[in-house]
Amino acid sequence: KTCQIVAANEVGGDGMKIERTKNASRNIVFGTLLKLYQVIGPFLMRTAMIYLMGVQYLGLNSLFTSILQVLNLAELGVGSAMIYSMYKPIADDNKIMICALMKLYRTYYRVIGLVIALVGGFLTPFIPRLISGEVPNGINIYVLYLLNLGATVLSYWLFAYKNSILQAFQRTDIVSKVSLFTITVQYGLQLLILVVFKNYYLYVLVMLMTQALTNIITAIVADRMYPEYKPQGNVDKKQIKQINQRIKDLFTSKIGSVIYDSADTIVISSFLGLTVLAVYQNYFYILNAITGFITIIFSSCTAGIGNSLVVETKEKNFKDLKKFSFIICWIAGICTVCLLCLYQPFMELWVGKELMLSFYAVICFSIYFFIRQLNGLLNLYKDASGMWHEDRYRPLIAALTNLILNIILVRIIGIYGILLSTVIAVLIVGIPWLLHNLFTYVFERACLALYLKKIVGYVVVITISCVVTYYICSRIVLPTILNLVVRAIICCILPNFIYYMVYHNCDEFQQAVMLLKKLKK
């Protein structure tokens, strides 16, 4: 039987038909377009604000964004828990349960919005203490903060629960389309305000109005696509207890992620200074941007994999995992080669030699990038299977391991200690623990050795591709821009040729080709 990652038009028993391949392909296409927009749009807006309003206003934007990100911890992972709870009712075509879950989701989000409003309101008097130096003339910091807070609260109160039905039915492409439209409106109005009025209050007010517009349009579209689903009925107490437990488990994961994402920046700033931090962030920005595009694949397929885990056998899902791993390792491998060979010429062109790290740092960034993508794939299966309770301690332990290693190694080898500690924490805590959990609760434990053998093989081929491609690229001596272009062409052709020669006869390659044909349709 030919294995497929997400087979189109499959039905779980007598349940609802879910076109997983078709949905995943739509989600990937429009998710990519949205991601491009989210990378380019903010960059252009930041540039416009600097030149038309001043850098202080950009600082205010960053401050409020950071504060509201902390307040958003109140979400606790409710969205992920509720969407997971809808997978089985959708597979069983249980409309009554889906409607009841929507009502519960609406209640939870109203409570979360209220909590954020109250805590955010309580913090209002302390906001000026978070600002070093003077604010722009004529600016009332309290009014601006409350406008930003209002936009966040509104995102929970105004039909936020309607998103759940689109995500659970694997139609995040609809969410992307709505966002593309509303963000275009937002950027257009904000640019007009910056050029004509130079009024920061109006600038922020447009953001609040755009959030409301996004929620309203999403709700209208969801109602038209799925008119039979309304927030009504009640979920039994036993299931509510299960959902609440998932939310608790997800919260520990969220806390771990916050520590993980913040530890490197804080330690670099504390031990090495802001200049080194700025250089590090330049490199990390590139890595993070590429990761963002690969993450689109993960987020686009989560619901489809969740549906497959509910209606398919363990054998079928393990075949899917192997094929998904092959595809992600191929994509991540090509990107790793590109980072290794293109990082330095690009950074030289962008920021100059004086703001560059050594090639050893590039090697560390490249290794971290690859294992981050593999870890992302395993986390995709964890989220799709709802394995949050069994995995609740791992994110915290991995984050704390990273923090401890950061503090130790930064004193010994500086910035390389920061990079190595992140790699070590993922390799010795994150991935092994996650693999143990997946092959204990989701797949057959006997399959773990076979899966590890596959992964080791991919890593060997990727390493060979990196060495061969970098050796060839390092022999090229051309002006900076031309050097970058020629290296990019080599990085796109040579690693793909090596992968094809090694894997073109393997089952996973044939299955990947079949999937590509389905996606193209």
Foldseek 3Di string as FASTA:
>chain_A
DAFFLFDAQDAQPPADTAGQLQLLLLLLVLLLVLLVCVVPLVVVVQVLCCVLPNVLVVVLVVLLVVVVVVLCLLVLCLLLLLLLVCLVCRSRVVQQVLLQSLLVLLVSLLVSLVSLLVVLVVCLVVVVVVDDDDHDPPDDSSLLSVLSSLLVSCCSNQQVSLVSVCLLSLNCSVLSVLCVVLVVVLSVVLSVCSVPPVDVSVNSNSSSVSSNSSNVVSNVVSCVVCVSHHNDDHDDPVVVVVSVLLSNLSSLLVVLVVLQVCLLLVLCCVPPNDLLSVLVVVLVVVLVSVVSSLVSSLSSNLSSLLNCLNRHDLVSSVVSLLLVLVVLLLVLLLVLLLLLLQVVLVCCVPPRPVSHDDSVVSNLSSLLSNLVSVLSSLVSNCSSNSVRNVCSCQSNVLSVQLNVQSNVVCVPPNPVSNSVSNNCSCVPGNVVSSLVSCCVPRHPVVCSVVSVVSVVVSVVLSVVQNVVLNVVLVVDDDPSVVSSVVSSVSSVPRSVVSCCVVPVPPSSNVNVVVSVVSSVD
